[in-house]
Amino acid sequence: MSQKIGSEKDNTTEETESESVALPAIKSDEADTPIRRRTRRKMAQIALYGIFAVTLLAFFVVNIEKLKILGEVITWFYIIMGSIVGSYMGFATLDDHWTPKKKK
């Protein structure tokens, strides 16, 4: 994509190219993995990190009175995030079982 920049006085034009965005390099262990597996793994890792973060916040940052009010919300958060992590582990195992092995 180029833009024409010119001055009205001397009618000269100058072309400028927009910079292309470079994609991040893929690690060597992720090179053979399909993108759907990588995204599922990242989703499960984020859910697990969220569980750890909420636990640490509940133990060390939030007051007891606020925890009593937020108790049911935190319970549902744990259930939902735990189901994401558990379903990743289960479906990743099924996917490995159903995917045919490559012959070397």
PDB file of N, CA and C in Angstrom:
ATOM      1  N   MET A   1       0.843  -1.157   0.000  1.00  0.00           N
ATOM      2  CA  MET A   1       0.000   0.000   0.000  1.00  0.00           C
ATOM      3  C   MET A   1       0.895   1.229   0.000  1.00  0.00           C
ATOM      4  N   SER A   2       0.713   2.090  -0.924  1.00  0.00           N
ATOM      5  CA  SER A   2       1.552   3.273  -1.001  1.00  0.00           C
ATOM      6  C   SER A   2       0.682   4.517  -1.020  1.00  0.00           C
ATOM      7  N   GLN A   3       1.256   5.585  -0.533  1.00  0.00           N
ATOM      8  CA  GLN A   3       0.568   6.860  -0.511  1.00  0.00           C
ATOM      9  C   GLN A   3       1.389   7.855  -1.316  1.00  0.00           C
ATOM     10  N   LYS A   4       0.717   8.744  -1.996  1.00  0.00           N
ATOM     11  CA  LYS A   4       1.388   9.793  -2.739  1.00  0.00           C
ATOM     12  C   LYS A   4       1.374  11.059  -1.888  1.00  0.00           C
ATOM     13  N   ILE A   5       2.564  11.579  -1.657  1.00  0.00           N
ATOM     14  CA  ILE A   5       2.691  12.810  -0.901  1.00  0.00           C
ATOM     15  C   ILE A   5       3.321  13.824  -1.838  1.00  0.00           C
ATOM     16  N   GLY A   6       2.690  14.914  -2.021  1.00  0.00           N
ATOM     17  CA  GLY A   6       3.240  15.898  -2.944  1.00  0.00           C
ATOM     18  C   GLY A   6       3.062  17.303  -2.425  1.00  0.00           C
ATOM     19  N   SER A   7       3.847  18.179  -2.975  1.00  0.00           N
ATOM     20  CA  SER A   7       3.698  19.588  -2.630  1.00  0.00           C
ATOM     21  C   SER A   7       3.058  20.292  -3.817  1.00  0.00           C
ATOM     22  N   GLU A   8       2.256  21.268  -3.538  1.00  0.00           N
ATOM     23  CA  GLU A   8       1.555  21.962  -4.610  1.00  0.00           C
ATOM     24  C   GLU A   8       2.477  22.903  -5.375  1.00  0.00           C
ATOM     25  N   LYS A   9       3.546  23.330  -4.738  1.00  0.00           N
ATOM     26  CA  LYS A   9       4.416  24.309  -5.384  1.00  0.00           C
ATOM     27  C   LYS A   9       5.217  23.703  -6.526  1.00  0.00           C
ATOM     28  N   ASP A  10       5.863  22.558  -6.295  1.00  0.00           N
ATOM     29  CA  ASP A  10       6.742  22.022  -7.331  1.00  0.00           C
ATOM     30  C   ASP A  10       6.186  20.764  -7.988  1.00  0.00           C
ATOM     31  N   ASN A  11       4.998  20.314  -7.619  1.00  0.00           N
ATOM     32  CA  ASN A  11       4.333  19.167  -8.217  1.00  0.00           C
ATOM     33  C   ASN A  11       5.190  17.896  -8.200  1.00  0.00           C
ATOM     34  N   THR A  12       6.002  17.722  -7.183  1.00  0.00           N
ATOM     35  CA  THR A  12       6.768  16.491  -7.051  1.00  0.00           C
ATOM     36  C   THR A  12       6.029  15.554  -6.112  1.00  0.00           C
ATOM     37  N   THR A  13       6.176  14.284  -6.358  1.00  0.00           N
ATOM     38  CA  THR A  13       5.519  13.289  -5.509  1.00  0.00           C
ATOM     39  C   THR A  13       6.568  12.383  -4.908  1.00  0.00           C
ATOM     40  N   GLU A  14       6.237  11.855  -3.748  1.00  0.00           N
ATOM     41  CA  GLU A  14       7.135  10.939  -3.060  1.00  0.00           C
ATOM     42  C   GLU A  14       6.295   9.763  -2.570  1.00  0.00           C
ATOM     43  N   GLU A  15       6.740   8.552  -2.859  1.00  0.00           N
ATOM     44  CA  GLU A  15       5.997   7.369  -2.423  1.00  0.00           C
ATOM     45  C   GLU A  15       6.549   6.876  -1.106  1.00  0.00           C
ATOM     46  N   THR A  16       5.629   6.516  -0.207  1.00  0.00           N
ATOM     47  CA  THR A  16       6.026   5.919   1.070  1.00  0.00           C
ATOM     48  C   THR A  16       5.333   4.581   1.198  1.00  0.00           C
ATOM     49  N   GLU A  17       6.047   3.605   1.640  1.00  0.00           N
ATOM     50  CA  GLU A  17       5.511   2.263   1.819  1.00  0.00           C
ATOM     51  C   GLU A  17       5.118   2.080   3.280  1.00  0.00           C
ATOM     52  N   SER A  18       3.964   1.466   3.523  1.00  0.00           N
ATOM     53  CA  SER A  18       3.590   1.163   4.903  1.00  0.00           C
ATOM     54  C   SER A  18       4.377  -0.059   5.361  1.00  0.00           C
ATOM     55  N   GLU A  19       4.715  -0.070   6.617  1.00  0.00           N
ATOM     56  CA  GLU A  19       5.528  -1.160   7.149  1.00  0.00           C
ATOM     57  C   GLU A  19       4.674  -2.407   7.328  1.00  0.00           C
ATOM     58  N   SER A  20       5.256  -3.545   7.017  1.00  0.00           N
ATOM     59  CA  SER A  20       4.534  -4.796   7.209  1.00  0.00           C
ATOM     60  C   SER A  20       4.756  -5.292   8.627  1.00  0.00           C
ATOM     61  N   VAL A  21       3.760  -5.965   9.158  1.00  0.00           N
ATOM     62  CA  VAL A  21       3.831  -6.488  10.511  1.00  0.00           C
ATOM     63  C   VAL A  21       4.403  -7.895  10.454  1.00  0.00           C
ATOM     64  N   ALA A  22       5.449  -8.126  11.225  1.00  0.00           N
ATOM     65  CA  ALA A  22       6.072  -9.451  11.243  1.00  0.00           C
ATOM     66  C   ALA A  22       5.369 -10.332  12.263  1.00  0.00           C
ATOM     67  N   LEU A  23       5.101 -11.566  11.898  1.00  0.00           N
ATOM     68  CA  LEU A  23       4.485 -12.514  12.814  1.00  0.00           C
ATOM     69  C   LEU A  23       5.534 -13.068  13.763  1.00  0.00           C
ATOM     70  N   PRO A  24       5.144 -13.388  14.998  1.00  0.00           N
ATOM     71  CA  PRO A  24       6.140 -13.928  15.933  1.00  0.00           C
ATOM     72  C   PRO A  24       6.624 -15.301  15.477  1.00  0.00           C
ATOM     73  N   ALA A  25       7.859 -15.584  15.790  1.00  0.00           N
ATOM     74  CA  ALA A  25       8.444 -16.868  15.405  1.00  0.00           C
ATOM     75  C   ALA A  25       7.813 -17.991  16.201  1.00  0.00           C
ATOM     76  N   ILE A  26       7.610 -19.131  15.568  1.00  0.00           N
ATOM     77  CA  ILE A  26       7.022 -20.291  16.223  1.00  0.00           C
ATOM     78  C   ILE A  26       8.144 -21.139  16.793  1.00  0.00           C
ATOM     79  N   LYS A  27       7.971 -21.563  18.030  1.00  0.00           N
ATOM     80  CA  LYS A  27       8.975 -22.412  18.657  1.00  0.00           C
ATOM     81  C   LYS A  27       9.060 -23.736  17.905  1.00  0.00           C
ATOM     82  N   SER A  28      10.193 -24.399  18.006  1.00  0.00           N
ATOM     83  CA  SER A  28      10.401 -25.620  17.236  1.00  0.00           C
ATOM     84  C   SER A  28       9.454 -26.743  17.661  1.00  0.00           C
ATOM     85  N   ASP A  29       9.068 -26.794  18.956  1.00  0.00           N
ATOM     86  CA  ASP A  29       8.145 -27.845  19.374  1.00  0.00           C
ATOM     87  C   ASP A  29       6.723 -27.554  18.939  1.00  0.00           C
ATOM     88  N   GLU A  30       6.422 -26.292  18.601  1.00  0.00           N
ATOM     89  CA  GLU A  30       5.088 -25.930  18.150  1.00  0.00           C
ATOM     90  C   GLU A  30       4.960 -25.950  16.629  1.00  0.00           C
ATOM     91  N   ALA A  31       6.048 -26.177  15.922  1.00  0.00           N
ATOM     92  CA  ALA A  31       6.019 -26.101  14.468  1.00  0.00           C
ATOM     93  C   ALA A  31       5.148 -27.198  13.854  1.00  0.00           C
ATOM     94  N   ASP A  32       5.131 -28.382  14.434  1.00  0.00           N
ATOM     95  CA  ASP A  32       4.342 -29.483  13.896  1.00  0.00           C
ATOM     96  C   ASP A  32       2.913 -29.511  14.429  1.00  0.00           C
ATOM     97  N   THR A  33       2.622 -28.713  15.437  1.00  0.00           N
ATOM     98  CA  THR A  33       1.315 -28.731  16.072  1.00  0.00           C
ATOM     99  C   THR A  33       0.354 -27.844  15.291  1.00  0.00           C
ATOM    100  N   PRO A  34      -0.848 -28.347  15.003  1.00  0.00           N
ATOM    101  CA  PRO A  34      -1.834 -27.503  14.321  1.00  0.00           C
ATOM    102  C   PRO A  34      -2.223 -26.306  15.190  1.00  0.00           C
ATOM    103  N   ILE A  35      -2.681 -25.267  14.537  1.00  0.00           N
ATOM    104  CA  ILE A  35      -2.996 -24.036  15.255  1.00  0.00           C
ATOM    105  C   ILE A  35      -4.155 -24.233  16.223  1.00  0.00           C
ATOM    106  N   ARG A  36      -5.072 -25.133  15.932  1.00  0.00           N
ATOM    107  CA  ARG A  36      -6.195 -25.344  16.847  1.00  0.00           C
ATOM    108  C   ARG A  36      -5.716 -25.934  18.169  1.00  0.00           C
ATOM    109  N   ARG A  37      -4.698 -26.777  18.128  1.00  0.00           N
ATOM    110  CA  ARG A  37      -4.156 -27.327  19.376  1.00  0.00           C
ATOM    111  C   ARG A  37      -3.466 -26.250  20.194  1.00  0.00           C
ATOM    112  N   ARG A  38      -2.715 -25.387  19.509  1.00  0.00           N
ATOM    113  CA  ARG A  38      -2.022 -24.318  20.229  1.00  0.00           C
ATOM    114  C   ARG A  38      -3.002 -23.366  20.885  1.00  0.00           C
ATOM    115  N   THR A  39      -4.085 -23.009  20.181  1.00  0.00           N
ATOM    116  CA  THR A  39      -5.050 -22.090  20.763  1.00  0.00           C
ATOM    117  C   THR A  39      -5.813 -22.725  21.912  1.00  0.00           C
ATOM    118  N   ARG A  40      -6.131 -24.020  21.801  1.00  0.00           N
ATOM    119  CA  ARG A  40      -6.786 -24.702  22.928  1.00  0.00           C
ATOM    120  C   ARG A  40      -5.866 -24.739  24.135  1.00  0.00           C
ATOM    121  N   ARG A  41      -4.586 -24.997  23.902  1.00  0.00           N
ATOM    122  CA  ARG A  41      -3.626 -25.053  25.007  1.00  0.00           C
ATOM    123  C   ARG A  41      -3.504 -23.691  25.675  1.00  0.00           C
ATOM    124  N   LYS A  42      -3.443 -22.629  24.884  1.00  0.00           N
ATOM    125  CA  LYS A  42      -3.342 -21.286  25.447  1.00  0.00           C
ATOM    126  C   LYS A  42      -4.585 -20.934  26.253  1.00  0.00           C
ATOM    127  N   MET A  43      -5.759 -21.331  25.768  1.00  0.00           N
ATOM    128  CA  MET A  43      -6.988 -21.067  26.497  1.00  0.00           C
ATOM    129  C   MET A  43      -6.982 -21.783  27.843  1.00  0.00           C
ATOM    130  N   ALA A  44      -6.548 -23.024  27.873  1.00  0.00           N
ATOM    131  CA  ALA A  44      -6.491 -23.770  29.130  1.00  0.00           C
ATOM    132  C   ALA A  44      -5.433 -23.191  30.066  1.00  0.00           C
ATOM    133  N   GLN A  45      -4.311 -22.739  29.528  1.00  0.00           N
ATOM    134  CA  GLN A  45      -3.284 -22.137  30.375  1.00  0.00           C
ATOM    135  C   GLN A  45      -3.771 -20.834  30.985  1.00  0.00           C
ATOM    136  N   ILE A  46      -4.475 -20.020  30.221  1.00  0.00           N
ATOM    137  CA  ILE A  46      -5.008 -18.768  30.749  1.00  0.00           C
ATOM    138  C   ILE A  46      -6.040 -19.042  31.834  1.00  0.00           C
ATOM    139  N   ALA A  47      -6.884 -20.051  31.641  1.00  0.00           N
ATOM    140  CA  ALA A  47      -7.859 -20.415  32.665  1.00  0.00           C
ATOM    141  C   ALA A  47      -7.162 -20.887  33.936  1.00  0.00           C
ATOM    142  N   LEU A  48      -6.121 -21.672  33.802  1.00  0.00           N
ATOM    143  CA  LEU A  48      -5.379 -22.151  34.968  1.00  0.00           C
ATOM    144  C   LEU A  48      -4.685 -21.003  35.696  1.00  0.00           C
ATOM    145  N   TYR A  49      -4.090 -20.081  34.934  1.00  0.00           N
ATOM    146  CA  TYR A  49      -3.468 -18.911  35.550  1.00  0.00           C
ATOM    147  C   TYR A  49      -4.517 -18.051  36.268  1.00  0.00           C
ATOM    148  N   GLY A  50      -5.712 -17.970  35.695  1.00  0.00           N
ATOM    149  CA  GLY A  50      -6.799 -17.228  36.347  1.00  0.00           C
ATOM    150  C   GLY A  50      -7.192 -17.847  37.674  1.00  0.00           C
ATOM    151  N   ILE A  51      -7.242 -19.169  37.718  1.00  0.00           N
ATOM    152  CA  ILE A  51      -7.556 -19.859  38.978  1.00  0.00           C
ATOM    153  C   ILE A  51      -6.493 -19.550  40.028  1.00  0.00           C
ATOM    154  N   PHE A  52      -5.219 -19.604  39.629  1.00  0.00           N
ATOM    155  CA  PHE A  52      -4.136 -19.285  40.569  1.00  0.00           C
ATOM    156  C   PHE A  52      -4.223 -17.835  41.041  1.00  0.00           C
ATOM    157  N   ALA A  53      -4.512 -16.911  40.115  1.00  0.00           N
ATOM    158  CA  ALA A  53      -4.573 -15.492  40.467  1.00  0.00           C
ATOM    159  C   ALA A  53      -5.716 -15.213  41.438  1.00  0.00           C
ATOM    160  N   VAL A  54      -6.885 -15.778  41.189  1.00  0.00           N
ATOM    161  CA  VAL A  54      -8.025 -15.562  42.085  1.00  0.00           C
ATOM    162  C   VAL A  54      -7.738 -16.156  43.458  1.00  0.00           C
ATOM    163  N   THR A  55      -7.104 -17.312  43.494  1.00  0.00           N
ATOM    164  CA  THR A  55      -6.767 -17.925  44.776  1.00  0.00           C
ATOM    165  C   THR A  55      -5.800 -17.051  45.560  1.00  0.00           C
ATOM    166  N   LEU A  56      -4.763 -16.552  44.905  1.00  0.00           N
ATOM    167  CA  LEU A  56      -3.808 -15.681  45.586  1.00  0.00           C
ATOM    168  C   LEU A  56      -4.458 -14.381  46.049  1.00  0.00           C
ATOM    169  N   LEU A  57      -5.317 -13.807  45.213  1.00  0.00           N
ATOM    170  CA  LEU A  57      -6.016 -12.593  45.615  1.00  0.00           C
ATOM    171  C   LEU A  57      -6.942 -12.840  46.799  1.00  0.00           C
ATOM    172  N   ALA A  58      -7.625 -13.980  46.780  1.00  0.00           N
ATOM    173  CA  ALA A  58      -8.543 -14.290  47.877  1.00  0.00           C
ATOM    174  C   ALA A  58      -7.802 -14.497  49.192  1.00  0.00           C
ATOM    175  N   PHE A  59      -6.619 -15.083  49.138  1.00  0.00           N
ATOM    176  CA  PHE A  59      -5.874 -15.343  50.367  1.00  0.00           C
ATOM    177  C   PHE A  59      -5.149 -14.105  50.901  1.00  0.00           C
ATOM    178  N   PHE A  60      -4.612 -13.281  50.027  1.00  0.00           N
ATOM    179  CA  PHE A  60      -3.698 -12.247  50.482  1.00  0.00           C
ATOM    180  C   PHE A  60      -4.154 -10.807  50.274  1.00  0.00           C
ATOM    181  N   VAL A  61      -5.122 -10.541  49.411  1.00  0.00           N
ATOM    182  CA  VAL A  61      -5.446  -9.156  49.075  1.00  0.00           C
ATOM    183  C   VAL A  61      -6.837  -8.741  49.545  1.00  0.00           C
ATOM    184  N   VAL A  62      -7.850  -9.527  49.251  1.00  0.00           N
ATOM    185  CA  VAL A  62      -9.241  -9.147  49.483  1.00  0.00           C
ATOM    186  C   VAL A  62      -9.619  -9.366  50.953  1.00  0.00           C
ATOM    187  N   ASN A  63     -10.405  -8.414  51.475  1.00  0.00           N
ATOM    188  CA  ASN A  63     -10.874  -8.521  52.864  1.00  0.00           C
ATOM    189  C   ASN A  63     -11.875  -9.661  53.019  1.00  0.00           C
ATOM    190  N   ILE A  64     -11.989 -10.157  54.251  1.00  0.00           N
ATOM    191  CA  ILE A  64     -12.910 -11.257  54.546  1.00  0.00           C
ATOM    192  C   ILE A  64     -14.360 -10.852  54.283  1.00  0.00           C
ATOM    193  N   GLU A  65     -14.716  -9.612  54.599  1.00  0.00           N
ATOM    194  CA  GLU A  65     -16.102  -9.165  54.378  1.00  0.00           C
ATOM    195  C   GLU A  65     -16.465  -9.182  52.900  1.00  0.00           C
ATOM    196  N   LYS A  66     -15.529  -8.781  52.055  1.00  0.00           N
ATOM    197  CA  LYS A  66     -15.789  -8.796  50.616  1.00  0.00           C
ATOM    198  C   LYS A  66     -15.825 -10.220  50.076  1.00  0.00           C
ATOM    199  N   LEU A  67     -15.050 -11.116  50.670  1.00  0.00           N
ATOM    200  CA  LEU A  67     -15.068 -12.512  50.232  1.00  0.00           C
ATOM    201  C   LEU A  67     -16.405 -13.171  50.538  1.00  0.00           C
ATOM    202  N   LYS A  68     -17.017 -12.782  51.643  1.00  0.00           N
ATOM    203  CA  LYS A  68     -18.340 -13.327  51.961  1.00  0.00           C
ATOM    204  C   LYS A  68     -19.361 -12.906  50.915  1.00  0.00           C
ATOM    205  N   ILE A  69     -19.239 -11.676  50.437  1.00  0.00           N
ATOM    206  CA  ILE A  69     -20.165 -11.188  49.408  1.00  0.00           C
ATOM    207  C   ILE A  69     -19.869 -11.843  48.056  1.00  0.00           C
ATOM    208  N   LEU A  70     -18.594 -11.999  47.741  1.00  0.00           N
ATOM    209  CA  LEU A  70     -18.190 -12.546  46.439  1.00  0.00           C
ATOM    210  C   LEU A  70     -18.081 -14.068  46.425  1.00  0.00           C
ATOM    211  N   GLY A  71     -18.469 -14.729  47.492  1.00  0.00           N
ATOM    212  CA  GLY A  71     -18.297 -16.176  47.602  1.00  0.00           C
ATOM    213  C   GLY A  71     -18.926 -16.965  46.477  1.00  0.00           C
ATOM    214  N   GLU A  72     -20.166 -16.632  46.133  1.00  0.00           N
ATOM    215  CA  GLU A  72     -20.847 -17.390  45.078  1.00  0.00           C
ATOM    216  C   GLU A  72     -20.251 -17.101  43.702  1.00  0.00           C
ATOM    217  N   VAL A  73     -19.844 -15.859  43.470  1.00  0.00           N
ATOM    218  CA  VAL A  73     -19.230 -15.506  42.192  1.00  0.00           C
ATOM    219  C   VAL A  73     -17.905 -16.244  42.028  1.00  0.00           C
ATOM    220  N   ILE A  74     -17.122 -16.284  43.092  1.00  0.00           N
ATOM    221  CA  ILE A  74     -15.834 -16.986  43.031  1.00  0.00           C
ATOM    222  C   ILE A  74     -16.045 -18.479  42.828  1.00  0.00           C
ATOM    223  N   THR A  75     -17.078 -19.036  43.442  1.00  0.00           N
ATOM    224  CA  THR A  75     -17.381 -20.458  43.256  1.00  0.00           C
ATOM    225  C   THR A  75     -17.703 -20.758  41.799  1.00  0.00           C
ATOM    226  N   TRP A  76     -18.548 -19.922  41.179  1.00  0.00           N
ATOM    227  CA  TRP A  76     -18.879 -20.132  39.774  1.00  0.00           C
ATOM    228  C   TRP A  76     -17.661 -19.930  38.881  1.00  0.00           C
ATOM    229  N   PHE A  77     -16.797 -18.989  39.249  1.00  0.00           N
ATOM    230  CA  PHE A  77     -15.567 -18.778  38.485  1.00  0.00           C
ATOM    231  C   PHE A  77     -14.713 -20.038  38.506  1.00  0.00           C
ATOM    232  N   TYR A  78     -14.547 -20.639  39.690  1.00  0.00           N
ATOM    233  CA  TYR A  78     -13.759 -21.871  39.797  1.00  0.00           C
ATOM    234  C   TYR A  78     -14.381 -23.006  38.988  1.00  0.00           C
ATOM    235  N   ILE A  79     -15.698 -23.117  39.022  1.00  0.00           N
ATOM    236  CA  ILE A  79     -16.371 -24.189  38.272  1.00  0.00           C
ATOM    237  C   ILE A  79     -16.147 -24.017  36.767  1.00  0.00           C
ATOM    238  N   ILE A  80     -16.317 -22.798  36.282  1.00  0.00           N
ATOM    239  CA  ILE A  80     -16.182 -22.556  34.842  1.00  0.00           C
ATOM    240  C   ILE A  80     -14.735 -22.731  34.387  1.00  0.00           C
ATOM    241  N   MET A  81     -13.800 -22.152  35.120  1.00  0.00           N
ATOM    242  CA  MET A  81     -12.390 -22.263  34.727  1.00  0.00           C
ATOM    243  C   MET A  81     -11.889 -23.702  34.869  1.00  0.00           C
ATOM    244  N   GLY A  82     -12.335 -24.395  35.895  1.00  0.00           N
ATOM    245  CA  GLY A  82     -11.964 -25.803  36.047  1.00  0.00           C
ATOM    246  C   GLY A  82     -12.524 -26.669  34.931  1.00  0.00           C
ATOM    247  N   SER A  83     -13.735 -26.340  34.466  1.00  0.00           N
ATOM    248  CA  SER A  83     -14.303 -27.107  33.354  1.00  0.00           C
ATOM    249  C   SER A  83     -13.540 -26.840  32.059  1.00  0.00           C
ATOM    250  N   ILE A  84     -13.024 -25.630  31.875  1.00  0.00           N
ATOM    251  CA  ILE A  84     -12.226 -25.342  30.682  1.00  0.00           C
ATOM    252  C   ILE A  84     -10.938 -26.158  30.709  1.00  0.00           C
ATOM    253  N   VAL A  85     -10.269 -26.170  31.859  1.00  0.00           N
ATOM    254  CA  VAL A  85      -9.020 -26.926  31.974  1.00  0.00           C
ATOM    255  C   VAL A  85      -9.282 -28.426  31.831  1.00  0.00           C
ATOM    256  N   GLY A  86     -10.329 -28.919  32.489  1.00  0.00           N
ATOM    257  CA  GLY A  86     -10.659 -30.347  32.413  1.00  0.00           C
ATOM    258  C   GLY A  86     -11.070 -30.782  31.024  1.00  0.00           C
ATOM    259  N   SER A  87     -11.853 -29.952  30.338  1.00  0.00           N
ATOM    260  CA  SER A  87     -12.254 -30.327  28.980  1.00  0.00           C
ATOM    261  C   SER A  87     -11.059 -30.286  28.032  1.00  0.00           C
ATOM    262  N   TYR A  88     -10.126 -29.370  28.260  1.00  0.00           N
ATOM    263  CA  TYR A  88      -8.918 -29.370  27.429  1.00  0.00           C
ATOM    264  C   TYR A  88      -8.154 -30.674  27.604  1.00  0.00           C
ATOM    265  N   MET A  89      -7.977 -31.097  28.851  1.00  0.00           N
ATOM    266  CA  MET A  89      -7.220 -32.325  29.096  1.00  0.00           C
ATOM    267  C   MET A  89      -7.931 -33.532  28.489  1.00  0.00           C
ATOM    268  N   GLY A  90      -9.247 -33.585  28.634  1.00  0.00           N
ATOM    269  CA  GLY A  90      -9.997 -34.711  28.088  1.00  0.00           C
ATOM    270  C   GLY A  90     -10.014 -34.736  26.578  1.00  0.00           C
ATOM    271  N   PHE A  91     -10.318 -33.597  25.961  1.00  0.00           N
ATOM    272  CA  PHE A  91     -10.401 -33.564  24.504  1.00  0.00           C
ATOM    273  C   PHE A  91      -9.030 -33.637  23.850  1.00  0.00           C
ATOM    274  N   ALA A  92      -7.991 -33.153  24.522  1.00  0.00           N
ATOM    275  CA  ALA A  92      -6.640 -33.306  23.970  1.00  0.00           C
ATOM    276  C   ALA A  92      -6.242 -34.778  23.956  1.00  0.00           C
ATOM    277  N   THR A  93      -6.646 -35.509  24.991  1.00  0.00           N
ATOM    278  CA  THR A  93      -6.367 -36.946  25.026  1.00  0.00           C
ATOM    279  C   THR A  93      -7.128 -37.671  23.923  1.00  0.00           C
ATOM    280  N   LEU A  94      -8.406 -37.329  23.744  1.00  0.00           N
ATOM    281  CA  LEU A  94      -9.191 -37.938  22.665  1.00  0.00           C
ATOM    282  C   LEU A  94      -8.611 -37.591  21.296  1.00  0.00           C
ATOM    283  N   ASP A  95      -8.201 -36.344  21.138  1.00  0.00           N
ATOM    284  CA  ASP A  95      -7.636 -35.922  19.861  1.00  0.00           C
ATOM    285  C   ASP A  95      -6.343 -36.677  19.567  1.00  0.00           C
ATOM    286  N   ASP A  96      -5.513 -36.878  20.579  1.00  0.00           N
ATOM    287  CA  ASP A  96      -4.292 -37.663  20.377  1.00  0.00           C
ATOM    288  C   ASP A  96      -4.610 -39.119  20.055  1.00  0.00           C
ATOM    289  N   HIS A  97      -5.668 -39.630  20.667  1.00  0.00           N
ATOM    290  CA  HIS A  97      -6.057 -41.027  20.427  1.00  0.00           C
ATOM    291  C   HIS A  97      -6.630 -41.204  19.026  1.00  0.00           C
ATOM    292  N   TRP A  98      -7.429 -40.231  18.554  1.00  0.00           N
ATOM    293  CA  TRP A  98      -8.084 -40.361  17.262  1.00  0.00           C
ATOM    294  C   TRP A  98      -7.213 -39.935  16.088  1.00  0.00           C
ATOM    295  N   THR A  99      -6.193 -39.134  16.332  1.00  0.00           N
ATOM    296  CA  THR A  99      -5.342 -38.665  15.244  1.00  0.00           C
ATOM    297  C   THR A  99      -4.378 -39.778  14.839  1.00  0.00           C
ATOM    298  N   PRO A 100      -4.339 -40.088  13.544  1.00  0.00           N
ATOM    299  CA  PRO A 100      -3.417 -41.143  13.117  1.00  0.00           C
ATOM    300  C   PRO A 100      -1.973 -40.683  13.282  1.00  0.00           C
ATOM    301  N   LYS A 101      -1.125 -41.593  13.643  1.00  0.00           N
ATOM    302  CA  LYS A 101       0.289 -41.301  13.851  1.00  0.00           C
ATOM    303  C   LYS A 101       0.998 -41.189  12.504  1.00  0.00           C
ATOM    304  N   LYS A 102       1.962 -40.272  12.433  1.00  0.00           N
ATOM    305  CA  LYS A 102       2.733 -40.114  11.208  1.00  0.00           C
ATOM    306  C   LYS A 102       3.795 -41.207  11.142  1.00  0.00           C
ATOM    307  N   LYS A 103       3.953 -41.745   9.940  1.00  0.00           N
ATOM    308  CA  LYS A 103       4.998 -42.764   9.748  1.00  0.00           C
ATOM    309  C   LYS A 103       6.297 -42.059   9.432  1.00  0.00           C
ATOM    310  N   LYS A 104       7.357 -42.470  10.093  1.00  0.00           N
ATOM    311  CA  LYS A 104       8.658 -41.831   9.874  1.00  0.00           C
ATOM    312  C   LYS A 104       9.480 -42.592   8.881  1.00  0.00           C
TER     313      LYS A 104
END
